[in-house]
Amino acid sequence: GRFAISRDNAKNTVYLQMNALKPDDTAVYYCRLQVVFSFVWGQ
């Protein structure tokens, strides 16, 4: 109800829309790609 994920494959980009943010949402947000059983993380 507050967050939504989407992707644009033509731009090789994934988005996270965050609305009605709360102080508890404070964090470092990481993107992850899954390759079978392994993962690639952003910084």
All heavy atoms as atom14 arrays in JSON, in Angstrom:
{
  "sequence": "GRFAISRDNAKNTVYLQMNALKPDDTAVYYCRLQVVFSFVWGQ",
  "atom14_mask": [
    [1, 1, 1, 1, 0, 0, 0, 0, 0, 0, 0, 0, 0, 0],
    [1, 1, 1, 1, 1, 1, 1, 1, 1, 1, 1, 0, 0, 0],
    [1, 1, 1, 1, 1, 1, 1, 1, 1, 1, 1, 0, 0, 0],
    [1, 1, 1, 1, 1, 0, 0, 0, 0, 0, 0, 0, 0, 0],
    [1, 1, 1, 1, 1, 1, 1, 1, 0, 0, 0, 0, 0, 0],
    [1, 1, 1, 1, 1, 1, 0, 0, 0, 0, 0, 0, 0, 0],
    [1, 1, 1, 1, 1, 1, 1, 1, 1, 1, 1, 0, 0, 0],
    [1, 1, 1, 1, 1, 1, 1, 1, 0, 0, 0, 0, 0, 0],
    [1, 1, 1, 1, 1, 1, 1, 1, 0, 0, 0, 0, 0, 0],
    [1, 1, 1, 1, 1, 0, 0, 0, 0, 0, 0, 0, 0, 0],
    [1, 1, 1, 1, 1, 1, 1, 1, 1, 0, 0, 0, 0, 0],
    [1, 1, 1, 1, 1, 1, 1, 1, 0, 0, 0, 0, 0, 0],
    [1, 1, 1, 1, 1, 1, 1, 0, 0, 0, 0, 0, 0, 0],
    [1, 1, 1, 1, 1, 1, 1, 0, 0, 0, 0, 0, 0, 0],
    [1, 1, 1, 1, 1, 1, 1, 1, 1, 1, 1, 1, 0, 0],
    [1, 1, 1, 1, 1, 1, 1, 1, 0, 0, 0, 0, 0, 0],
    [1, 1, 1, 1, 1, 1, 1, 1, 1, 0, 0, 0, 0, 0],
    [1, 1, 1, 1, 1, 1, 1, 1, 0, 0, 0, 0, 0, 0],
    [1, 1, 1, 1, 1, 1, 1, 1, 0, 0, 0, 0, 0, 0],
    [1, 1, 1, 1, 1, 0, 0, 0, 0, 0, 0, 0, 0, 0],
    [1, 1, 1, 1, 1, 1, 1, 1, 0, 0, 0, 0, 0, 0],
    [1, 1, 1, 1, 1, 1, 1, 1, 1, 0, 0, 0, 0, 0],
    [1, 1, 1, 1, 1, 1, 1, 0, 0, 0, 0, 0, 0, 0],
    [1, 1, 1, 1, 1, 1, 1, 1, 0, 0, 0, 0, 0, 0],
    [1, 1, 1, 1, 1, 1, 1, 1, 0, 0, 0, 0, 0, 0],
    [1, 1, 1, 1, 1, 1, 1, 0, 0, 0, 0, 0, 0, 0],
    [1, 1, 1, 1, 1, 0, 0, 0, 0, 0, 0, 0, 0, 0],
    [1, 1, 1, 1, 1, 1, 1, 0, 0, 0, 0, 0, 0, 0],
    [1, 1, 1, 1, 1, 1, 1, 1, 1, 1, 1, 1, 0, 0],
    [1, 1, 1, 1, 1, 1, 1, 1, 1, 1, 1, 1, 0, 0],
    [1, 1, 1, 1, 1, 1, 0, 0, 0, 0, 0, 0, 0, 0],
    [1, 1, 1, 1, 1, 1, 1, 1, 1, 1, 1, 0, 0, 0],
    [1, 1, 1, 1, 1, 1, 1, 1, 0, 0, 0, 0, 0, 0],
    [1, 1, 1, 1, 1, 1, 1, 1, 1, 0, 0, 0, 0, 0],
    [1, 1, 1, 1, 1, 1, 1, 0, 0, 0, 0, 0, 0, 0],
    [1, 1, 1, 1, 1, 1, 1, 0, 0, 0, 0, 0, 0, 0],
    [1, 1, 1, 1, 1, 1, 1, 1, 1, 1, 1, 0, 0, 0],
    [1, 1, 1, 1, 1, 1, 0, 0, 0, 0, 0, 0, 0, 0],
    [1, 1, 1, 1, 1, 1, 1, 1, 1, 1, 1, 0, 0, 0],
    [1, 1, 1, 1, 1, 1, 1, 0, 0, 0, 0, 0, 0, 0],
    [1, 1, 1, 1, 1, 1, 1, 1, 1, 1, 1, 1, 1, 1],
    [1, 1, 1, 1, 0, 0, 0, 0, 0, 0, 0, 0, 0, 0],
    [1, 1, 1, 1, 1, 1, 1, 1, 1, 0, 0, 0, 0, 0]
  ],
  "atom14_positions": [
    [[0.8, -1.22, 0.0], [0.0, 0.0, 0.0], [0.84, 1.27, 0.0], [0.32, 2.34, -0.33], [0.0, 0.0, 0.0], [0.0, 0.0, 0.0], [0.0, 0.0, 0.0], [0.0, 0.0, 0.0], [0.0, 0.0, 0.0], [0.0, 0.0, 0.0], [0.0, 0.0, 0.0], [0.0, 0.0, 0.0], [0.0, 0.0, 0.0], [0.0, 0.0, 0.0]],
    [[2.11, 1.14, 0.38], [2.99, 2.32, 0.38], [4.14, 2.18, -0.62], [4.57, 3.18, -1.19], [3.58, 2.55, 1.77], [2.56, 2.88, 2.84], [3.22, 3.46, 4.07], [4.16, 2.53, 4.69], [5.45, 2.82, 4.9], [5.97, 3.97, 4.53], [6.23, 1.92, 5.51], [0.0, 0.0, 0.0], [0.0, 0.0, 0.0], [0.0, 0.0, 0.0]],
    [[4.64, 0.96, -0.8], [5.79, 0.73, -1.67], [5.35, -0.06, -2.9], [4.47, -0.92, -2.82], [6.86, -0.06, -0.94], [7.64, 0.72, 0.09], [7.12, 1.86, 0.69], [8.91, 0.3, 0.48], [7.83, 2.57, 1.64], [9.64, 1.0, 1.43], [9.1, 2.14, 2.01], [0.0, 0.0, 0.0], [0.0, 0.0, 0.0], [0.0, 0.0, 0.0]],
    [[6.01, 0.2, -4.02], [5.74, -0.55, -5.24], [7.04, -0.71, -6.02], [7.86, 0.21, -6.08], [4.71, 0.16, -6.09], [0.0, 0.0, 0.0], [0.0, 0.0, 0.0], [0.0, 0.0, 0.0], [0.0, 0.0, 0.0], [0.0, 0.0, 0.0], [0.0, 0.0, 0.0], [0.0, 0.0, 0.0], [0.0, 0.0, 0.0], [0.0, 0.0, 0.0]],
    [[7.19, -1.88, -6.62], [8.37, -2.18, -7.42], [7.96, -2.29, -8.88], [6.86, -2.76, -9.2], [9.06, -3.47, -6.94], [10.4, -3.7, -7.65], [8.14, -4.67, -7.07], [11.21, -4.85, -7.06], [0.0, 0.0, 0.0], [0.0, 0.0, 0.0], [0.0, 0.0, 0.0], [0.0, 0.0, 0.0], [0.0, 0.0, 0.0], [0.0, 0.0, 0.0]],
    [[8.84, -1.85, -9.75], [8.57, -1.97, -11.18], [9.9, -2.1, -11.92], [10.97, -1.89, -11.33], [7.79, -0.76, -11.69], [8.53, 0.44, -11.51], [0.0, 0.0, 0.0], [0.0, 0.0, 0.0], [0.0, 0.0, 0.0], [0.0, 0.0, 0.0], [0.0, 0.0, 0.0], [0.0, 0.0, 0.0], [0.0, 0.0, 0.0], [0.0, 0.0, 0.0]],
    [[9.81, -2.43, -13.19], [11.03, -2.56, -13.97], [10.82, -2.03, -15.37], [9.7, -2.09, -15.9], [11.51, -4.01, -14.01], [10.6, -4.99, -14.71], [11.01, -6.45, -14.41], [12.36, -6.74, -14.89], [13.09, -7.76, -14.46], [12.61, -8.58, -13.55], [14.3, -7.96, -14.96], [0.0, 0.0, 0.0], [0.0, 0.0, 0.0], [0.0, 0.0, 0.0]],
    [[11.9, -1.55, -15.96], [11.91, -1.12, -17.35], [13.08, -1.84, -18.0], [14.23, -1.4, -17.91], [12.07, 0.4, -17.45], [11.96, 0.91, -18.88], [12.18, 0.11, -19.81], [11.69, 2.1, -19.07], [0.0, 0.0, 0.0], [0.0, 0.0, 0.0], [0.0, 0.0, 0.0], [0.0, 0.0, 0.0], [0.0, 0.0, 0.0], [0.0, 0.0, 0.0]],
    [[12.79, -2.94, -18.65], [13.87, -3.76, -19.21], [14.61, -3.04, -20.33], [15.81, -3.29, -20.55], [13.32, -5.09, -19.7], [12.9, -6.0, -18.57], [13.45, -5.93, -17.46], [11.91, -6.84, -18.82], [0.0, 0.0, 0.0], [0.0, 0.0, 0.0], [0.0, 0.0, 0.0], [0.0, 0.0, 0.0], [0.0, 0.0, 0.0], [0.0, 0.0, 0.0]],
    [[13.92, -2.15, -21.02], [14.59, -1.42, -22.1], [15.68, -0.5, -21.55], [16.64, -0.19, -22.26], [13.56, -0.6, -22.87], [0.0, 0.0, 0.0], [0.0, 0.0, 0.0], [0.0, 0.0, 0.0], [0.0, 0.0, 0.0], [0.0, 0.0, 0.0], [0.0, 0.0, 0.0], [0.0, 0.0, 0.0], [0.0, 0.0, 0.0], [0.0, 0.0, 0.0]],
    [[15.52, -0.1, -20.29], [16.51, 0.76, -19.64], [17.38, -0.01, -18.67], [18.2, 0.6, -17.97], [15.82, 1.91, -18.92], [15.07, 2.86, -19.85], [14.46, 4.01, -19.07], [13.75, 4.99, -20.02], [13.13, 6.12, -19.28], [0.0, 0.0, 0.0], [0.0, 0.0, 0.0], [0.0, 0.0, 0.0], [0.0, 0.0, 0.0], [0.0, 0.0, 0.0]],
    [[17.18, -1.31, -18.59], [17.94, -2.14, -17.62], [17.84, -1.57, -16.21], [18.84, -1.53, -15.47], [19.41, -2.25, -18.04], [19.58, -2.94, -19.38], [18.78, -3.81, -19.74], [20.59, -2.56, -20.13], [0.0, 0.0, 0.0], [0.0, 0.0, 0.0], [0.0, 0.0, 0.0], [0.0, 0.0, 0.0], [0.0, 0.0, 0.0], [0.0, 0.0, 0.0]],
    [[16.66, -1.16, -15.84], [16.47, -0.46, -14.57], [15.27, -1.01, -13.81], [14.24, -1.33, -14.41], [16.3, 1.04, -14.8], [17.46, 1.55, -15.47], [16.13, 1.8, -13.49], [0.0, 0.0, 0.0], [0.0, 0.0, 0.0], [0.0, 0.0, 0.0], [0.0, 0.0, 0.0], [0.0, 0.0, 0.0], [0.0, 0.0, 0.0], [0.0, 0.0, 0.0]],
    [[15.43, -1.09, -12.51], [14.35, -1.47, -11.61], [14.1, -0.29, -10.68], [15.05, 0.38, -10.25], [14.72, -2.73, -10.8], [13.63, -3.08, -9.81], [14.98, -3.89, -11.74], [0.0, 0.0, 0.0], [0.0, 0.0, 0.0], [0.0, 0.0, 0.0], [0.0, 0.0, 0.0], [0.0, 0.0, 0.0], [0.0, 0.0, 0.0], [0.0, 0.0, 0.0]],
    [[12.84, -0.07, -10.35], [12.46, 1.07, -9.53], [11.78, 0.61, -8.24], [11.16, -0.45, -8.19], [11.51, 1.98, -10.3], [12.05, 2.48, -11.6], [11.72, 1.87, -12.81], [12.92, 3.58, -11.64], [12.22, 2.32, -14.01], [13.42, 4.04, -12.85], [13.08, 3.41, -14.02], [13.58, 3.87, -15.22], [0.0, 0.0, 0.0], [0.0, 0.0, 0.0]],
    [[11.89, 1.46, -7.24], [11.13, 1.28, -6.01], [10.47, 2.61, -5.69], [11.15, 3.57, -5.35], [12.02, 0.83, -4.86], [11.27, 0.57, -3.55], [10.37, -0.66, -3.68], [12.25, 0.39, -2.38], [0.0, 0.0, 0.0], [0.0, 0.0, 0.0], [0.0, 0.0, 0.0], [0.0, 0.0, 0.0], [0.0, 0.0, 0.0], [0.0, 0.0, 0.0]],
    [[9.15, 2.64, -5.81], [8.39, 3.83, -5.46], [7.98, 3.72, -4.0], [7.36, 2.72, -3.61], [7.15, 3.96, -6.35], [6.29, 5.16, -6.02], [6.97, 6.48, -6.34], [7.61, 6.63, -7.37], [6.84, 7.45, -5.42], [0.0, 0.0, 0.0], [0.0, 0.0, 0.0], [0.0, 0.0, 0.0], [0.0, 0.0, 0.0], [0.0, 0.0, 0.0]],
    [[8.33, 4.72, -3.22], [8.04, 4.7, -1.8], [7.21, 5.93, -1.46], [7.65, 7.06, -1.68], [9.34, 4.7, -0.99], [10.3, 3.58, -1.36], [11.75, 3.5, -0.31], [12.54, 5.06, -0.72], [0.0, 0.0, 0.0], [0.0, 0.0, 0.0], [0.0, 0.0, 0.0], [0.0, 0.0, 0.0], [0.0, 0.0, 0.0], [0.0, 0.0, 0.0]],
    [[6.02, 5.69, -0.93], [5.1, 6.78, -0.56], [4.81, 6.76, 0.93], [5.04, 5.74, 1.6], [3.8, 6.64, -1.35], [4.01, 6.72, -2.85], [4.83, 7.48, -3.34], [3.25, 5.92, -3.58], [0.0, 0.0, 0.0], [0.0, 0.0, 0.0], [0.0, 0.0, 0.0], [0.0, 0.0, 0.0], [0.0, 0.0, 0.0], [0.0, 0.0, 0.0]],
    [[4.29, 7.85, 1.42], [3.91, 7.96, 2.83], [5.04, 7.47, 3.74], [4.83, 6.65, 4.63], [2.61, 7.2, 3.09], [0.0, 0.0, 0.0], [0.0, 0.0, 0.0], [0.0, 0.0, 0.0], [0.0, 0.0, 0.0], [0.0, 0.0, 0.0], [0.0, 0.0, 0.0], [0.0, 0.0, 0.0], [0.0, 0.0, 0.0], [0.0, 0.0, 0.0]],
    [[6.22, 7.94, 3.48], [7.39, 7.45, 4.21], [7.32, 7.79, 5.69], [6.79, 8.83, 6.09], [8.67, 8.02, 3.59], [9.07, 7.34, 2.27], [10.03, 8.22, 1.49], [9.67, 5.98, 2.55], [0.0, 0.0, 0.0], [0.0, 0.0, 0.0], [0.0, 0.0, 0.0], [0.0, 0.0, 0.0], [0.0, 0.0, 0.0], [0.0, 0.0, 0.0]],
    [[7.88, 6.87, 6.48], [7.89, 7.0, 7.93], [9.35, 6.99, 8.41], [10.22, 6.43, 7.74], [7.15, 5.84, 8.57], [5.73, 5.64, 8.07], [5.12, 4.38, 8.65], [3.71, 4.14, 8.15], [3.11, 2.89, 8.7], [0.0, 0.0, 0.0], [0.0, 0.0, 0.0], [0.0, 0.0, 0.0], [0.0, 0.0, 0.0], [0.0, 0.0, 0.0]],
    [[9.61, 7.51, 9.59], [10.98, 7.43, 10.13], [11.5, 6.0, 10.19], [12.71, 5.78, 10.01], [10.83, 8.06, 11.51], [9.72, 9.05, 11.36], [8.74, 8.39, 10.41], [0.0, 0.0, 0.0], [0.0, 0.0, 0.0], [0.0, 0.0, 0.0], [0.0, 0.0, 0.0], [0.0, 0.0, 0.0], [0.0, 0.0, 0.0], [0.0, 0.0, 0.0]],
    [[10.62, 5.04, 10.42], [11.05, 3.63, 10.47], [11.54, 3.11, 9.12], [12.13, 2.03, 9.06], [9.91, 2.74, 10.96], [9.7, 2.84, 12.47], [10.57, 3.43, 13.15], [8.67, 2.34, 12.96], [0.0, 0.0, 0.0], [0.0, 0.0, 0.0], [0.0, 0.0, 0.0], [0.0, 0.0, 0.0], [0.0, 0.0, 0.0], [0.0, 0.0, 0.0]],
    [[11.27, 3.84, 8.06], [11.76, 3.44, 6.74], [13.21, 3.84, 6.52], [13.8, 3.49, 5.49], [10.89, 4.06, 5.64], [9.46, 3.55, 5.66], [9.27, 2.34, 5.87], [8.54, 4.36, 5.47], [0.0, 0.0, 0.0], [0.0, 0.0, 0.0], [0.0, 0.0, 0.0], [0.0, 0.0, 0.0], [0.0, 0.0, 0.0], [0.0, 0.0, 0.0]],
    [[13.78, 4.55, 7.45], [15.18, 4.95, 7.34], [16.07, 3.73, 7.3], [16.01, 2.86, 8.18], [15.58, 5.84, 8.53], [14.85, 7.07, 8.46], [17.07, 6.15, 8.5], [0.0, 0.0, 0.0], [0.0, 0.0, 0.0], [0.0, 0.0, 0.0], [0.0, 0.0, 0.0], [0.0, 0.0, 0.0], [0.0, 0.0, 0.0], [0.0, 0.0, 0.0]],
    [[16.89, 3.63, 6.25], [17.74, 2.46, 6.05], [18.6, 2.69, 4.8], [18.38, 3.64, 4.04], [16.9, 1.21, 5.87], [0.0, 0.0, 0.0], [0.0, 0.0, 0.0], [0.0, 0.0, 0.0], [0.0, 0.0, 0.0], [0.0, 0.0, 0.0], [0.0, 0.0, 0.0], [0.0, 0.0, 0.0], [0.0, 0.0, 0.0], [0.0, 0.0, 0.0]],
    [[19.53, 1.78, 4.61], [20.22, 1.7, 3.33], [19.44, 0.71, 2.48], [19.15, -0.41, 2.93], [21.68, 1.24, 3.48], [22.34, 1.12, 2.11], [22.46, 2.21, 4.36], [0.0, 0.0, 0.0], [0.0, 0.0, 0.0], [0.0, 0.0, 0.0], [0.0, 0.0, 0.0], [0.0, 0.0, 0.0], [0.0, 0.0, 0.0], [0.0, 0.0, 0.0]],
    [[19.1, 1.12, 1.29], [18.3, 0.29, 0.39], [19.21, -0.3, -0.69], [19.97, 0.43, -1.35], [17.19, 1.13, -0.24], [16.06, 1.4, 0.72], [16.22, 2.27, 1.79], [14.83, 0.75, 0.58], [15.2, 2.49, 2.69], [13.8, 0.98, 1.48], [13.99, 1.84, 2.53], [12.96, 2.06, 3.42], [0.0, 0.0, 0.0], [0.0, 0.0, 0.0]],
    [[19.1, -1.61, -0.84], [19.95, -2.35, -1.76], [19.13, -3.0, -2.87], [18.04, -3.54, -2.62], [20.71, -3.45, -1.03], [21.67, -2.97, 0.02], [21.25, -2.84, 1.34], [22.99, -2.66, -0.29], [22.13, -2.4, 2.33], [23.87, -2.23, 0.69], [23.44, -2.11, 1.99], [24.3, -1.69, 2.96], [0.0, 0.0, 0.0], [0.0, 0.0, 0.0]],
    [[19.69, -3.0, -4.04], [19.11, -3.71, -5.18], [19.81, -5.07, -5.31], [21.02, -5.18, -5.03], [19.34, -2.87, -6.44], [18.7, -3.57, -7.96], [0.0, 0.0, 0.0], [0.0, 0.0, 0.0], [0.0, 0.0, 0.0], [0.0, 0.0, 0.0], [0.0, 0.0, 0.0], [0.0, 0.0, 0.0], [0.0, 0.0, 0.0], [0.0, 0.0, 0.0]],
    [[19.05, -6.07, -5.7], [19.63, -7.4, -5.85], [19.14, -8.06, -7.12], [17.96, -7.99, -7.45], [19.24, -8.28, -4.66], [19.98, -9.6, -4.6], [19.43, -10.51, -3.52], [18.26, -11.25, -3.98], [17.71, -12.25, -3.3], [18.22, -12.6, -2.11], [16.66, -12.86, -3.77], [0.0, 0.0, 0.0], [0.0, 0.0, 0.0], [0.0, 0.0, 0.0]],
    [[20.06, -8.72, -7.81], [19.75, -9.5, -9.0], [19.99, -10.97, -8.68], [21.02, -11.3, -8.07], [20.63, -9.05, -10.16], [20.5, -9.8, -11.5], [20.8, -8.83, -12.66], [21.45, -10.97, -11.58], [0.0, 0.0, 0.0], [0.0, 0.0, 0.0], [0.0, 0.0, 0.0], [0.0, 0.0, 0.0], [0.0, 0.0, 0.0], [0.0, 0.0, 0.0]],
    [[19.07, -11.81, -9.07], [19.2, -13.24, -8.81], [19.61, -13.97, -10.08], [18.95, -13.84, -11.11], [17.88, -13.82, -8.3], [17.95, -15.31, -8.0], [16.64, -15.84, -7.46], [15.68, -15.11, -7.29], [16.6, -17.13, -7.17], [0.0, 0.0, 0.0], [0.0, 0.0, 0.0], [0.0, 0.0, 0.0], [0.0, 0.0, 0.0], [0.0, 0.0, 0.0]],
    [[20.69, -14.73, -9.96], [21.15, -15.58, -11.06], [21.11, -17.01, -10.54], [22.06, -17.45, -9.88], [22.56, -15.2, -11.52], [22.96, -16.05, -12.72], [22.66, -13.73, -11.85], [0.0, 0.0, 0.0], [0.0, 0.0, 0.0], [0.0, 0.0, 0.0], [0.0, 0.0, 0.0], [0.0, 0.0, 0.0], [0.0, 0.0, 0.0], [0.0, 0.0, 0.0]],
    [[20.03, -17.72, -10.81], [19.79, -19.07, -10.31], [19.9, -19.04, -8.78], [19.02, -18.53, -8.11], [20.75, -20.07, -10.94], [20.3, -21.51, -10.6], [20.8, -19.92, -12.46], [0.0, 0.0, 0.0], [0.0, 0.0, 0.0], [0.0, 0.0, 0.0], [0.0, 0.0, 0.0], [0.0, 0.0, 0.0], [0.0, 0.0, 0.0], [0.0, 0.0, 0.0]],
    [[20.98, -19.58, -8.23], [21.12, -19.61, -6.78], [22.18, -18.65, -6.27], [22.62, -18.76, -5.11], [21.43, -21.04, -6.32], [20.36, -22.02, -6.67], [20.61, -23.03, -7.58], [19.1, -21.92, -6.1], [19.62, -23.94, -7.9], [18.1, -22.82, -6.42], [18.37, -23.84, -7.33], [0.0, 0.0, 0.0], [0.0, 0.0, 0.0], [0.0, 0.0, 0.0]],
    [[22.6, -17.72, -7.09], [23.55, -16.72, -6.64], [22.97, -15.34, -6.86], [21.99, -15.18, -7.59], [24.89, -16.85, -7.39], [24.71, -16.63, -8.76], [0.0, 0.0, 0.0], [0.0, 0.0, 0.0], [0.0, 0.0, 0.0], [0.0, 0.0, 0.0], [0.0, 0.0, 0.0], [0.0, 0.0, 0.0], [0.0, 0.0, 0.0], [0.0, 0.0, 0.0]],
    [[23.57, -14.36, -6.2], [23.01, -13.02, -6.21], [24.08, -11.98, -6.45], [25.23, -12.15, -6.07], [22.32, -12.73, -4.87], [21.31, -13.76, -4.47], [21.61, -14.75, -3.55], [20.04, -13.75, -5.03], [20.69, -15.7, -3.19], [19.1, -14.71, -4.68], [19.44, -15.69, -3.76], [0.0, 0.0, 0.0], [0.0, 0.0, 0.0], [0.0, 0.0, 0.0]],
    [[23.66, -10.88, -7.07], [24.51, -9.71, -7.25], [23.84, -8.56, -6.53], [22.65, -8.33, -6.7], [24.71, -9.38, -8.74], [25.53, -8.11, -8.88], [25.36, -10.54, -9.46], [0.0, 0.0, 0.0], [0.0, 0.0, 0.0], [0.0, 0.0, 0.0], [0.0, 0.0, 0.0], [0.0, 0.0, 0.0], [0.0, 0.0, 0.0], [0.0, 0.0, 0.0]],
    [[24.61, -7.85, -5.73], [24.09, -6.74, -4.93], [24.68, -5.41, -5.42], [25.84, -5.34, -5.84], [24.45, -6.91, -3.46], [23.78, -8.06, -2.79], [24.24, -9.34, -2.7], [22.52, -8.03, -2.09], [23.34, -10.11, -1.99], [22.29, -9.34, -1.6], [21.58, -7.04, -1.82], [21.14, -9.68, -0.87], [20.45, -7.37, -1.09], [20.24, -8.68, -0.63]],
    [[23.87, -4.38, -5.3], [24.39, -3.04, -5.51], [25.05, -2.54, -4.23], [25.08, -3.23, -3.22], [0.0, 0.0, 0.0], [0.0, 0.0, 0.0], [0.0, 0.0, 0.0], [0.0, 0.0, 0.0], [0.0, 0.0, 0.0], [0.0, 0.0, 0.0], [0.0, 0.0, 0.0], [0.0, 0.0, 0.0], [0.0, 0.0, 0.0], [0.0, 0.0, 0.0]],
    [[25.56, -1.31, -4.3], [26.28, -0.76, -3.15], [25.34, -0.11, -2.14], [25.75, 0.19, -1.01], [27.32, 0.26, -3.62], [26.79, 1.67, -3.87], [25.88, 1.79, -5.07], [25.8, 0.88, -5.9], [25.2, 2.93, -5.19], [0.0, 0.0, 0.0], [0.0, 0.0, 0.0], [0.0, 0.0, 0.0], [0.0, 0.0, 0.0], [0.0, 0.0, 0.0]]
  ]
}
